[in-house]
């Protein structure tokens, strides 16, 4: 289980901070937050993709992620969202760079 600086809650906070920084015009800060969040989400997705399997009371195998874990589908959504945010910010940075020439 990943915790501390690599917990999904840290990545969620970084996504929120990135949105706040981006809306206030700090596109570099926003981009850094989104990239760090993406790294955390991808790390957690890689770990969670190894599904945990155990025998249930009746002997049948049950697949679960546990209460503290987010599903692989949720993590894939977070990765996609972070990548979209990064693309938007990078596009804005390119437009600003072209406009300043």
N, C-alpha and C. Protein backbone atom coordinates (compact mmCIF):
# COMPACT_ATOMS: atom_id res chain seq x y z
N UNK A 1 0.85 -1.19 0.00
CA UNK A 1 0.00 0.00 0.00
C UNK A 1 0.89 1.24 0.00
N UNK A 2 0.54 2.21 -0.83
CA UNK A 2 1.31 3.44 -0.93
C UNK A 2 0.69 4.49 -0.03
N UNK A 3 1.51 5.15 0.75
CA UNK A 3 1.02 6.20 1.63
C UNK A 3 1.96 7.39 1.59
N UNK A 4 1.82 8.26 2.56
CA UNK A 4 2.70 9.42 2.64
C UNK A 4 2.58 10.32 1.43
N UNK A 5 3.72 10.71 0.89
CA UNK A 5 3.76 11.64 -0.25
C UNK A 5 3.17 11.05 -1.52
N UNK A 6 2.98 9.74 -1.57
CA UNK A 6 2.46 9.09 -2.77
C UNK A 6 1.02 8.61 -2.61
N UNK A 7 0.33 9.11 -1.62
CA UNK A 7 -1.06 8.74 -1.40
C UNK A 7 -1.94 9.48 -2.41
N UNK A 8 -3.02 8.85 -2.82
CA UNK A 8 -3.94 9.48 -3.77
C UNK A 8 -4.48 10.82 -3.28
N UNK A 9 -4.64 10.98 -1.98
CA UNK A 9 -5.13 12.25 -1.44
C UNK A 9 -4.15 13.38 -1.72
N UNK A 10 -2.86 13.08 -1.71
CA UNK A 10 -1.84 14.08 -2.05
C UNK A 10 -2.02 14.48 -3.51
N UNK A 11 -2.22 13.49 -4.37
CA UNK A 11 -2.42 13.77 -5.80
C UNK A 11 -3.69 14.59 -6.02
N UNK A 12 -4.77 14.26 -5.29
CA UNK A 12 -6.01 15.05 -5.41
C UNK A 12 -5.76 16.51 -5.02
N UNK A 13 -5.00 16.70 -3.94
CA UNK A 13 -4.68 18.05 -3.48
C UNK A 13 -3.84 18.78 -4.53
N UNK A 14 -2.88 18.08 -5.12
CA UNK A 14 -2.05 18.69 -6.17
C UNK A 14 -2.90 19.10 -7.37
N UNK A 15 -3.89 18.28 -7.72
CA UNK A 15 -4.78 18.63 -8.84
C UNK A 15 -5.55 19.91 -8.50
N UNK A 16 -6.04 20.01 -7.28
CA UNK A 16 -6.77 21.22 -6.87
C UNK A 16 -5.86 22.44 -6.86
N UNK A 17 -4.65 22.24 -6.35
CA UNK A 17 -3.68 23.35 -6.34
C UNK A 17 -3.34 23.78 -7.76
N UNK A 18 -3.19 22.81 -8.66
CA UNK A 18 -2.90 23.13 -10.05
C UNK A 18 -4.00 23.95 -10.68
N UNK A 19 -5.24 23.57 -10.39
CA UNK A 19 -6.39 24.32 -10.93
C UNK A 19 -6.39 25.75 -10.38
N UNK A 20 -6.13 25.89 -9.10
CA UNK A 20 -6.10 27.22 -8.47
C UNK A 20 -4.97 28.07 -9.05
N UNK A 21 -3.79 27.48 -9.16
CA UNK A 21 -2.65 28.22 -9.72
C UNK A 21 -2.91 28.61 -11.17
N UNK A 22 -3.47 27.69 -11.94
CA UNK A 22 -3.77 27.98 -13.34
C UNK A 22 -4.77 29.11 -13.49
N UNK A 23 -5.78 29.10 -12.64
CA UNK A 23 -6.81 30.15 -12.73
C UNK A 23 -6.28 31.51 -12.29
N UNK A 24 -5.21 31.52 -11.50
CA UNK A 24 -4.62 32.79 -11.08
C UNK A 24 -3.47 33.22 -12.00
N UNK A 25 -3.24 32.45 -13.07
CA UNK A 25 -2.24 32.83 -14.06
C UNK A 25 -0.87 32.20 -13.88
N UNK A 26 -0.68 31.41 -12.85
CA UNK A 26 0.61 30.74 -12.63
C UNK A 26 0.61 29.41 -13.36
N UNK A 27 0.79 29.46 -14.68
CA UNK A 27 0.72 28.24 -15.49
C UNK A 27 1.90 27.30 -15.21
N UNK A 28 3.06 27.84 -14.90
CA UNK A 28 4.21 26.98 -14.57
C UNK A 28 3.93 26.19 -13.29
N UNK A 29 3.43 26.87 -12.28
CA UNK A 29 3.09 26.20 -11.03
C UNK A 29 2.00 25.16 -11.23
N UNK A 30 1.01 25.51 -12.05
CA UNK A 30 -0.07 24.57 -12.33
C UNK A 30 0.47 23.33 -13.01
N UNK A 31 1.32 23.53 -14.00
CA UNK A 31 1.89 22.41 -14.74
C UNK A 31 2.68 21.49 -13.81
N UNK A 32 3.47 22.06 -12.92
CA UNK A 32 4.24 21.26 -11.96
C UNK A 32 3.33 20.43 -11.07
N UNK A 33 2.25 21.03 -10.58
CA UNK A 33 1.30 20.31 -9.73
C UNK A 33 0.65 19.15 -10.50
N UNK A 34 0.20 19.43 -11.71
CA UNK A 34 -0.46 18.39 -12.51
C UNK A 34 0.49 17.24 -12.83
N UNK A 35 1.75 17.57 -13.14
CA UNK A 35 2.72 16.51 -13.46
C UNK A 35 3.03 15.66 -12.24
N UNK A 36 3.15 16.28 -11.08
CA UNK A 36 3.41 15.51 -9.86
C UNK A 36 2.21 14.62 -9.53
N UNK A 37 1.01 15.15 -9.69
CA UNK A 37 -0.19 14.35 -9.45
C UNK A 37 -0.24 13.16 -10.42
N UNK A 38 0.08 13.40 -11.68
CA UNK A 38 0.10 12.33 -12.67
C UNK A 38 1.08 11.24 -12.27
N UNK A 39 2.25 11.63 -11.81
CA UNK A 39 3.24 10.65 -11.36
C UNK A 39 2.68 9.78 -10.22
N UNK A 40 2.05 10.42 -9.26
CA UNK A 40 1.47 9.68 -8.12
C UNK A 40 0.37 8.75 -8.59
N UNK A 41 -0.54 9.25 -9.43
CA UNK A 41 -1.62 8.41 -9.92
C UNK A 41 -1.09 7.21 -10.70
N UNK A 42 -0.10 7.44 -11.56
CA UNK A 42 0.46 6.33 -12.34
C UNK A 42 1.15 5.31 -11.44
N UNK A 43 1.86 5.79 -10.44
CA UNK A 43 2.52 4.88 -9.50
C UNK A 43 1.48 4.02 -8.78
N UNK A 44 0.41 4.63 -8.32
CA UNK A 44 -0.63 3.91 -7.62
C UNK A 44 -1.39 2.97 -8.55
N UNK A 45 -1.61 3.40 -9.79
CA UNK A 45 -2.28 2.56 -10.77
C UNK A 45 -1.46 1.30 -11.03
N UNK A 46 -0.16 1.48 -11.16
CA UNK A 46 0.72 0.34 -11.39
C UNK A 46 0.63 -0.65 -10.24
N UNK A 47 0.61 -0.13 -9.03
CA UNK A 47 0.53 -1.01 -7.86
C UNK A 47 -0.83 -1.69 -7.77
N UNK A 48 -1.90 -0.94 -8.01
CA UNK A 48 -3.25 -1.49 -7.87
C UNK A 48 -3.64 -2.43 -9.00
N UNK A 49 -2.93 -2.37 -10.11
CA UNK A 49 -3.24 -3.26 -11.22
C UNK A 49 -2.95 -4.71 -10.87
N UNK A 50 -2.10 -4.94 -9.90
CA UNK A 50 -1.87 -6.29 -9.39
C UNK A 50 -2.99 -6.60 -8.41
N UNK A 51 -4.07 -7.15 -8.93
CA UNK A 51 -5.28 -7.35 -8.14
C UNK A 51 -5.02 -8.33 -7.01
N UNK A 52 -5.54 -8.01 -5.84
CA UNK A 52 -5.40 -8.84 -4.65
C UNK A 52 -6.50 -9.89 -4.64
N UNK A 53 -6.12 -11.17 -4.52
CA UNK A 53 -7.10 -12.24 -4.54
C UNK A 53 -6.97 -13.05 -3.25
N UNK A 54 -8.10 -13.44 -2.69
CA UNK A 54 -8.12 -14.28 -1.49
C UNK A 54 -9.27 -15.25 -1.58
N UNK A 55 -9.19 -16.30 -0.78
CA UNK A 55 -10.27 -17.27 -0.69
C UNK A 55 -11.33 -16.74 0.27
N UNK A 56 -12.58 -16.79 -0.16
CA UNK A 56 -13.69 -16.38 0.70
C UNK A 56 -14.04 -17.55 1.62
N UNK A 57 -14.97 -17.34 2.52
CA UNK A 57 -15.37 -18.36 3.48
C UNK A 57 -15.75 -19.68 2.85
N UNK A 58 -16.42 -19.66 1.69
CA UNK A 58 -16.85 -20.89 1.03
C UNK A 58 -15.79 -21.49 0.13
N UNK A 59 -14.60 -20.90 0.11
CA UNK A 59 -13.52 -21.44 -0.70
C UNK A 59 -13.39 -20.80 -2.07
N UNK A 60 -14.40 -20.02 -2.50
CA UNK A 60 -14.31 -19.38 -3.81
C UNK A 60 -13.35 -18.19 -3.74
N UNK A 61 -12.69 -17.91 -4.87
CA UNK A 61 -11.77 -16.78 -4.92
C UNK A 61 -12.53 -15.49 -5.10
N UNK A 62 -12.15 -14.48 -4.35
CA UNK A 62 -12.80 -13.18 -4.42
C UNK A 62 -11.73 -12.14 -4.74
N UNK A 63 -12.04 -11.25 -5.66
CA UNK A 63 -11.13 -10.17 -6.01
C UNK A 63 -11.61 -8.90 -5.33
N UNK A 64 -10.70 -8.20 -4.67
CA UNK A 64 -11.09 -6.96 -4.01
C UNK A 64 -9.91 -6.01 -3.92
N UNK A 65 -10.21 -4.77 -3.62
CA UNK A 65 -9.19 -3.74 -3.48
C UNK A 65 -9.09 -3.23 -2.06
N UNK A 66 -10.02 -3.55 -1.22
CA UNK A 66 -10.00 -3.06 0.15
C UNK A 66 -10.63 -1.69 0.26
N UNK A 67 -11.01 -1.34 1.45
CA UNK A 67 -11.70 -0.07 1.69
C UNK A 67 -10.82 1.14 1.39
N UNK A 68 -9.53 1.03 1.65
CA UNK A 68 -8.65 2.18 1.50
C UNK A 68 -8.17 2.37 0.07
N UNK A 69 -8.39 1.41 -0.78
CA UNK A 69 -7.86 1.46 -2.13
C UNK A 69 -8.91 1.96 -3.11
N UNK A 70 -8.46 2.68 -4.09
CA UNK A 70 -9.36 3.12 -5.14
C UNK A 70 -9.25 2.12 -6.28
N UNK A 71 -10.33 1.95 -7.02
CA UNK A 71 -10.32 0.96 -8.08
C UNK A 71 -9.40 1.37 -9.21
N UNK A 72 -9.02 0.39 -9.99
CA UNK A 72 -8.18 0.64 -11.16
C UNK A 72 -8.90 1.60 -12.09
N UNK A 73 -10.21 1.43 -12.26
CA UNK A 73 -10.98 2.33 -13.14
C UNK A 73 -10.92 3.77 -12.64
N UNK A 74 -11.03 3.97 -11.34
CA UNK A 74 -10.94 5.32 -10.78
C UNK A 74 -9.56 5.91 -11.06
N UNK A 75 -8.53 5.13 -10.81
CA UNK A 75 -7.17 5.61 -11.03
C UNK A 75 -6.91 5.92 -12.49
N UNK A 76 -7.46 5.11 -13.40
CA UNK A 76 -7.31 5.39 -14.83
C UNK A 76 -7.98 6.72 -15.18
N UNK A 77 -9.13 6.99 -14.56
CA UNK A 77 -9.80 8.27 -14.77
C UNK A 77 -8.97 9.44 -14.26
N UNK A 78 -8.34 9.25 -13.11
CA UNK A 78 -7.49 10.31 -12.56
C UNK A 78 -6.30 10.58 -13.48
N UNK A 79 -5.70 9.50 -14.01
CA UNK A 79 -4.57 9.64 -14.92
C UNK A 79 -5.00 10.42 -16.16
N UNK A 80 -6.15 10.06 -16.73
CA UNK A 80 -6.65 10.75 -17.92
C UNK A 80 -6.93 12.22 -17.64
N UNK A 81 -7.51 12.51 -16.49
CA UNK A 81 -7.81 13.89 -16.13
C UNK A 81 -6.52 14.71 -15.98
N UNK A 82 -5.53 14.13 -15.30
CA UNK A 82 -4.25 14.84 -15.13
C UNK A 82 -3.60 15.09 -16.49
N UNK A 83 -3.65 14.10 -17.38
CA UNK A 83 -3.06 14.27 -18.71
C UNK A 83 -3.77 15.36 -19.51
N UNK A 84 -5.09 15.43 -19.38
CA UNK A 84 -5.84 16.49 -20.07
C UNK A 84 -5.45 17.86 -19.53
N UNK A 85 -5.34 17.97 -18.22
CA UNK A 85 -4.95 19.25 -17.62
C UNK A 85 -3.56 19.66 -18.06
N UNK A 86 -2.64 18.71 -18.12
CA UNK A 86 -1.27 19.00 -18.57
C UNK A 86 -1.30 19.49 -20.01
N UNK A 87 -2.09 18.84 -20.87
CA UNK A 87 -2.18 19.25 -22.28
C UNK A 87 -2.73 20.66 -22.41
N UNK A 88 -3.74 21.00 -21.62
CA UNK A 88 -4.32 22.34 -21.67
C UNK A 88 -3.30 23.39 -21.24
N UNK A 89 -2.59 23.13 -20.15
CA UNK A 89 -1.62 24.10 -19.65
C UNK A 89 -0.45 24.23 -20.63
N UNK A 90 0.03 23.10 -21.15
CA UNK A 90 1.14 23.17 -22.12
C UNK A 90 0.72 23.94 -23.37
N UNK A 91 -0.51 23.77 -23.81
CA UNK A 91 -1.02 24.51 -24.97
C UNK A 91 -1.05 26.01 -24.67
N UNK A 92 -1.50 26.37 -23.47
CA UNK A 92 -1.54 27.79 -23.08
C UNK A 92 -0.14 28.37 -23.01
N UNK A 93 0.81 27.60 -22.49
CA UNK A 93 2.20 28.07 -22.41
C UNK A 93 2.78 28.28 -23.81
N UNK A 94 2.47 27.39 -24.74
CA UNK A 94 2.96 27.54 -26.11
C UNK A 94 2.36 28.79 -26.78
N UNK A 95 1.06 29.01 -26.55
CA UNK A 95 0.40 30.19 -27.13
C UNK A 95 1.01 31.47 -26.57
N UNK A 96 1.29 31.46 -25.26
CA UNK A 96 1.91 32.63 -24.64
C UNK A 96 3.31 32.86 -25.19
N UNK A 97 4.07 31.79 -25.41
CA UNK A 97 5.43 31.92 -25.93
C UNK A 97 5.41 32.46 -27.35
N UNK A 98 4.47 32.02 -28.17
CA UNK A 98 4.34 32.49 -29.54
C UNK A 98 3.90 33.94 -29.54
N UNK A 99 2.99 34.30 -28.65
CA UNK A 99 2.49 35.68 -28.57
C UNK A 99 3.53 36.67 -28.09
N UNK A 100 4.54 36.20 -27.37
CA UNK A 100 5.58 37.08 -26.85
C UNK A 100 6.71 37.32 -27.84
N UNK A 101 6.74 36.57 -28.93
CA UNK A 101 7.82 36.72 -29.93
C UNK A 101 7.62 37.91 -30.80
